[in-house]
Amino acid sequence: MDVPLWFALLAVGVLGVKLIRPPWWLVAVILLGGFLLADSFLAPAIDTAINK
């Protein structure tokens, strides 16, 4: 069964929010921080660390 990565991440995210119940501001900060980090000078280092 082939599941798209975006769907798997969405499912894990929804389950995490429902089960752990973090505050919404924390979810927003983590998403915004990840988005900004992906466009920073650290992105190539993170990419090589993840793909290794």
C-alpha atoms as a PDB file:
ATOM      1  CA  MET A   1       0.000   0.000   0.000  1.00  0.00           C
ATOM      2  CA  ASP A   2       1.500   3.345  -1.039  1.00  0.00           C
ATOM      3  CA  VAL A   3       0.580   6.264   1.211  1.00  0.00           C
ATOM      4  CA  PRO A   4       1.651   9.798   0.271  1.00  0.00           C
ATOM      5  CA  LEU A   5       4.034  11.392   2.750  1.00  0.00           C
ATOM      6  CA  TRP A   6       1.789  14.429   3.267  1.00  0.00           C
ATOM      7  CA  PHE A   7      -1.126  12.167   4.205  1.00  0.00           C
ATOM      8  CA  ALA A   8       0.940  10.153   6.681  1.00  0.00           C
ATOM      9  CA  LEU A   9       2.258  13.342   8.312  1.00  0.00           C
ATOM     10  CA  LEU A  10      -1.241  14.788   8.458  1.00  0.00           C
ATOM     11  CA  ALA A  11      -2.604  11.637  10.110  1.00  0.00           C
ATOM     12  CA  VAL A  12       0.192  11.556  12.687  1.00  0.00           C
ATOM     13  CA  GLY A  13      -0.286  15.263  13.362  1.00  0.00           C
ATOM     14  CA  VAL A  14      -4.038  14.981  13.860  1.00  0.00           C
ATOM     15  CA  LEU A  15      -3.648  11.977  16.161  1.00  0.00           C
ATOM     16  CA  GLY A  16      -0.909  13.737  18.122  1.00  0.00           C
ATOM     17  CA  VAL A  17      -3.040  16.829  18.656  1.00  0.00           C
ATOM     18  CA  LYS A  18      -6.061  14.761  19.684  1.00  0.00           C
ATOM     19  CA  LEU A  19      -4.170  12.440  22.039  1.00  0.00           C
ATOM     20  CA  ILE A  20      -1.529  14.713  23.574  1.00  0.00           C
ATOM     21  CA  ARG A  21      -3.609  17.927  23.502  1.00  0.00           C
ATOM     22  CA  PRO A  22      -0.797  20.483  23.163  1.00  0.00           C
ATOM     23  CA  PRO A  23      -1.760  24.159  23.191  1.00  0.00           C
ATOM     24  CA  TRP A  24      -2.546  25.517  19.725  1.00  0.00           C
ATOM     25  CA  TRP A  25       0.056  28.273  20.057  1.00  0.00           C
ATOM     26  CA  LEU A  26       2.749  25.574  20.465  1.00  0.00           C
ATOM     27  CA  VAL A  27       1.562  23.773  17.338  1.00  0.00           C
ATOM     28  CA  ALA A  28       1.656  27.067  15.413  1.00  0.00           C
ATOM     29  CA  VAL A  29       5.163  27.903  16.680  1.00  0.00           C
ATOM     30  CA  ILE A  30       6.506  24.465  15.730  1.00  0.00           C
ATOM     31  CA  LEU A  31       4.972  24.625  12.238  1.00  0.00           C
ATOM     32  CA  LEU A  32       6.147  28.181  11.611  1.00  0.00           C
ATOM     33  CA  GLY A  33       9.600  27.395  13.007  1.00  0.00           C
ATOM     34  CA  GLY A  34       9.953  24.371  10.753  1.00  0.00           C
ATOM     35  CA  PHE A  35       8.839  26.366   7.741  1.00  0.00           C
ATOM     36  CA  LEU A  36      11.333  29.144   8.472  1.00  0.00           C
ATOM     37  CA  LEU A  37      14.127  26.685   9.261  1.00  0.00           C
ATOM     38  CA  ALA A  38      13.611  24.939   5.927  1.00  0.00           C
ATOM     39  CA  ASP A  39      14.378  28.219   4.155  1.00  0.00           C
ATOM     40  CA  SER A  40      17.412  29.120   6.282  1.00  0.00           C
ATOM     41  CA  PHE A  41      21.135  28.539   5.806  1.00  0.00           C
ATOM     42  CA  LEU A  42      20.820  25.435   8.029  1.00  0.00           C
ATOM     43  CA  ALA A  43      18.600  23.627   5.511  1.00  0.00           C
ATOM     44  CA  PRO A  44      21.458  21.864   3.640  1.00  0.00           C
ATOM     45  CA  ALA A  45      22.929  20.576   6.921  1.00  0.00           C
ATOM     46  CA  ILE A  46      19.540  19.306   8.077  1.00  0.00           C
ATOM     47  CA  ASP A  47      18.929  17.689   4.695  1.00  0.00           C
ATOM     48  CA  THR A  48      22.215  15.774   4.774  1.00  0.00           C
ATOM     49  CA  ALA A  49      21.588  14.706   8.375  1.00  0.00           C
ATOM     50  CA  ILE A  50      18.124  13.389   7.529  1.00  0.00           C
ATOM     51  CA  ASN A  51      19.135  11.637   4.295  1.00  0.00           C
ATOM     52  CA  LYS A  52      22.182   9.899   5.762  1.00  0.00           C
END
